[in-house]
Amino acid sequence: MPWGSERILAGLTMNFQAWYRDQNPISTSNFTNAITLVFL
């Protein structure tokens, strides 16, 4: 999926997850839990 506008159609499934840096106590990288959206 390109960054920009996207058509949302019935039955479309999209997955989202974020990446972030953590300083606890050393610098490391982590991912959030993923979510799935299903458009009806």
PDB file of N, CA and C in Angstrom:
ATOM      1  N   MET A   1       0.844  -1.174   0.000  1.00  0.00           N
ATOM      2  CA  MET A   1       0.000   0.000   0.000  1.00  0.00           C
ATOM      3  C   MET A   1       0.887   1.234   0.000  1.00  0.00           C
ATOM      4  N   PRO A   2       0.734   2.105  -0.972  1.00  0.00           N
ATOM      5  CA  PRO A   2       1.547   3.330  -1.004  1.00  0.00           C
ATOM      6  C   PRO A   2       1.084   4.327   0.055  1.00  0.00           C
ATOM      7  N   TRP A   3       1.976   5.203   0.466  1.00  0.00           N
ATOM      8  CA  TRP A   3       1.587   6.258   1.402  1.00  0.00           C
ATOM      9  C   TRP A   3       0.756   7.262   0.634  1.00  0.00           C
ATOM     10  N   GLY A   4      -0.404   7.561   1.107  1.00  0.00           N
ATOM     11  CA  GLY A   4      -1.297   8.501   0.447  1.00  0.00           C
ATOM     12  C   GLY A   4      -2.722   8.012   0.566  1.00  0.00           C
ATOM     13  N   SER A   5      -3.533   8.351  -0.425  1.00  0.00           N
ATOM     14  CA  SER A   5      -4.942   7.960  -0.348  1.00  0.00           C
ATOM     15  C   SER A   5      -5.119   6.509  -0.774  1.00  0.00           C
ATOM     16  N   GLU A   6      -6.091   5.890  -0.171  1.00  0.00           N
ATOM     17  CA  GLU A   6      -6.390   4.470  -0.424  1.00  0.00           C
ATOM     18  C   GLU A   6      -7.898   4.309  -0.341  1.00  0.00           C
ATOM     19  N   ARG A   7      -8.482   3.602  -1.283  1.00  0.00           N
ATOM     20  CA  ARG A   7      -9.914   3.340  -1.218  1.00  0.00           C
ATOM     21  C   ARG A   7     -10.191   2.262  -0.189  1.00  0.00           C
ATOM     22  N   ILE A   8     -11.217   2.492   0.600  1.00  0.00           N
ATOM     23  CA  ILE A   8     -11.642   1.491   1.580  1.00  0.00           C
ATOM     24  C   ILE A   8     -12.891   0.819   1.021  1.00  0.00           C
ATOM     25  N   LEU A   9     -12.774  -0.453   0.761  1.00  0.00           N
ATOM     26  CA  LEU A   9     -13.863  -1.225   0.188  1.00  0.00           C
ATOM     27  C   LEU A   9     -14.346  -2.255   1.194  1.00  0.00           C
ATOM     28  N   ALA A  10     -15.598  -2.664   1.059  1.00  0.00           N
ATOM     29  CA  ALA A  10     -16.146  -3.703   1.930  1.00  0.00           C
ATOM     30  C   ALA A  10     -15.311  -4.966   1.794  1.00  0.00           C
ATOM     31  N   GLY A  11     -14.981  -5.573   2.924  1.00  0.00           N
ATOM     32  CA  GLY A  11     -14.189  -6.800   2.925  1.00  0.00           C
ATOM     33  C   GLY A  11     -12.685  -6.560   2.976  1.00  0.00           C
ATOM     34  N   LEU A  12     -12.261  -5.295   2.918  1.00  0.00           N
ATOM     35  CA  LEU A  12     -10.831  -4.970   2.966  1.00  0.00           C
ATOM     36  C   LEU A  12     -10.293  -5.228   4.367  1.00  0.00           C
ATOM     37  N   THR A  13      -9.150  -5.878   4.466  1.00  0.00           N
ATOM     38  CA  THR A  13      -8.493  -6.137   5.738  1.00  0.00           C
ATOM     39  C   THR A  13      -7.160  -5.394   5.753  1.00  0.00           C
ATOM     40  N   MET A  14      -6.923  -4.617   6.811  1.00  0.00           N
ATOM     41  CA  MET A  14      -5.665  -3.877   6.945  1.00  0.00           C
ATOM     42  C   MET A  14      -5.044  -4.208   8.294  1.00  0.00           C
ATOM     43  N   ASN A  15      -3.716  -4.356   8.309  1.00  0.00           N
ATOM     44  CA  ASN A  15      -2.972  -4.657   9.531  1.00  0.00           C
ATOM     45  C   ASN A  15      -2.050  -3.486   9.852  1.00  0.00           C
ATOM     46  N   PHE A  16      -1.961  -3.132  11.131  1.00  0.00           N
ATOM     47  CA  PHE A  16      -1.130  -2.010  11.562  1.00  0.00           C
ATOM     48  C   PHE A  16      -0.253  -2.443  12.729  1.00  0.00           C
ATOM     49  N   GLN A  17       0.996  -1.943  12.705  1.00  0.00           N
ATOM     50  CA  GLN A  17       1.933  -2.191  13.788  1.00  0.00           C
ATOM     51  C   GLN A  17       2.938  -1.043  13.782  1.00  0.00           C
ATOM     52  N   ALA A  18       3.388  -0.617  14.941  1.00  0.00           N
ATOM     53  CA  ALA A  18       4.330   0.497  15.037  1.00  0.00           C
ATOM     54  C   ALA A  18       5.671   0.025  15.593  1.00  0.00           C
ATOM     55  N   TRP A  19       6.730   0.686  15.159  1.00  0.00           N
ATOM     56  CA  TRP A  19       8.078   0.428  15.647  1.00  0.00           C
ATOM     57  C   TRP A  19       8.511   1.631  16.471  1.00  0.00           C
ATOM     58  N   TYR A  20       9.173   1.388  17.592  1.00  0.00           N
ATOM     59  CA  TYR A  20       9.632   2.498  18.418  1.00  0.00           C
ATOM     60  C   TYR A  20      10.929   2.138  19.123  1.00  0.00           C
ATOM     61  N   ARG A  21      11.650   3.177  19.536  1.00  0.00           N
ATOM     62  CA  ARG A  21      12.873   3.002  20.328  1.00  0.00           C
ATOM     63  C   ARG A  21      12.538   3.158  21.805  1.00  0.00           C
ATOM     64  N   ASP A  22      13.200   2.360  22.622  1.00  0.00           N
ATOM     65  CA  ASP A  22      12.961   2.376  24.056  1.00  0.00           C
ATOM     66  C   ASP A  22      14.280   2.623  24.767  1.00  0.00           C
ATOM     67  N   GLN A  23      14.281   3.435  25.799  1.00  0.00           N
ATOM     68  CA  GLN A  23      15.472   3.708  26.610  1.00  0.00           C
ATOM     69  C   GLN A  23      15.248   3.139  28.011  1.00  0.00           C
ATOM     70  N   ASN A  24      15.212   1.835  28.143  1.00  0.00           N
ATOM     71  CA  ASN A  24      14.822   1.229  29.415  1.00  0.00           C
ATOM     72  C   ASN A  24      15.781   0.126  29.819  1.00  0.00           C
ATOM     73  N   PRO A  25      16.854   0.255  30.432  1.00  0.00           N
ATOM     74  CA  PRO A  25      17.696   1.442  30.623  1.00  0.00           C
ATOM     75  C   PRO A  25      18.663   1.650  29.462  1.00  0.00           C
ATOM     76  N   ILE A  26      18.757   0.697  28.532  1.00  0.00           N
ATOM     77  CA  ILE A  26      19.628   0.898  27.365  1.00  0.00           C
ATOM     78  C   ILE A  26      18.764   1.054  26.123  1.00  0.00           C
ATOM     79  N   SER A  27      19.352   1.591  25.069  1.00  0.00           N
ATOM     80  CA  SER A  27      18.621   1.809  23.836  1.00  0.00           C
ATOM     81  C   SER A  27      18.320   0.484  23.149  1.00  0.00           C
ATOM     82  N   THR A  28      17.080   0.256  22.848  1.00  0.00           N
ATOM     83  CA  THR A  28      16.644  -0.952  22.156  1.00  0.00           C
ATOM     84  C   THR A  28      15.465  -0.590  21.273  1.00  0.00           C
ATOM     85  N   SER A  29      15.113  -1.457  20.347  1.00  0.00           N
ATOM     86  CA  SER A  29      13.940  -1.188  19.511  1.00  0.00           C
ATOM     87  C   SER A  29      12.888  -2.262  19.743  1.00  0.00           C
ATOM     88  N   ASN A  30      11.649  -1.864  19.631  1.00  0.00           N
ATOM     89  CA  ASN A  30      10.521  -2.741  19.910  1.00  0.00           C
ATOM     90  C   ASN A  30       9.415  -2.524  18.898  1.00  0.00           C
ATOM     91  N   PHE A  31       8.485  -3.450  18.874  1.00  0.00           N
ATOM     92  CA  PHE A  31       7.278  -3.323  18.075  1.00  0.00           C
ATOM     93  C   PHE A  31       6.061  -3.356  18.994  1.00  0.00           C
ATOM     94  N   THR A  32       5.035  -2.584  18.644  1.00  0.00           N
ATOM     95  CA  THR A  32       3.782  -2.646  19.377  1.00  0.00           C
ATOM     96  C   THR A  32       3.045  -3.913  18.974  1.00  0.00           C
ATOM     97  N   ASN A  33       2.010  -4.253  19.719  1.00  0.00           N
ATOM     98  CA  ASN A  33       1.131  -5.331  19.291  1.00  0.00           C
ATOM     99  C   ASN A  33       0.419  -4.900  18.019  1.00  0.00           C
ATOM    100  N   ALA A  34       0.204  -5.812  17.125  1.00  0.00           N
ATOM    101  CA  ALA A  34      -0.473  -5.497  15.862  1.00  0.00           C
ATOM    102  C   ALA A  34      -1.980  -5.530  16.042  1.00  0.00           C
ATOM    103  N   ILE A  35      -2.666  -4.739  15.222  1.00  0.00           N
ATOM    104  CA  ILE A  35      -4.124  -4.806  15.187  1.00  0.00           C
ATOM    105  C   ILE A  35      -4.552  -5.068  13.741  1.00  0.00           C
ATOM    106  N   THR A  36      -5.687  -5.694  13.582  1.00  0.00           N
ATOM    107  CA  THR A  36      -6.249  -5.970  12.267  1.00  0.00           C
ATOM    108  C   THR A  36      -7.619  -5.314  12.192  1.00  0.00           C
ATOM    109  N   LEU A  37      -7.843  -4.544  11.129  1.00  0.00           N
ATOM    110  CA  LEU A  37      -9.137  -3.922  10.890  1.00  0.00           C
ATOM    111  C   LEU A  37      -9.771  -4.547   9.663  1.00  0.00           C
ATOM    112  N   VAL A  38     -11.016  -4.972   9.797  1.00  0.00           N
ATOM    113  CA  VAL A  38     -11.781  -5.518   8.678  1.00  0.00           C
ATOM    114  C   VAL A  38     -12.937  -4.556   8.425  1.00  0.00           C
ATOM    115  N   PHE A  39     -13.002  -3.999   7.231  1.00  0.00           N
ATOM    116  CA  PHE A  39     -14.049  -3.049   6.879  1.00  0.00           C
ATOM    117  C   PHE A  39     -15.246  -3.808   6.310  1.00  0.00           C
ATOM    118  N   LEU A  40     -16.412  -3.509   6.851  1.00  0.00           N
ATOM    119  CA  LEU A  40     -17.641  -4.182   6.427  1.00  0.00           C
ATOM    120  C   LEU A  40     -18.415  -3.331   5.453  1.00  0.00           C
TER     121      LEU A  40
END
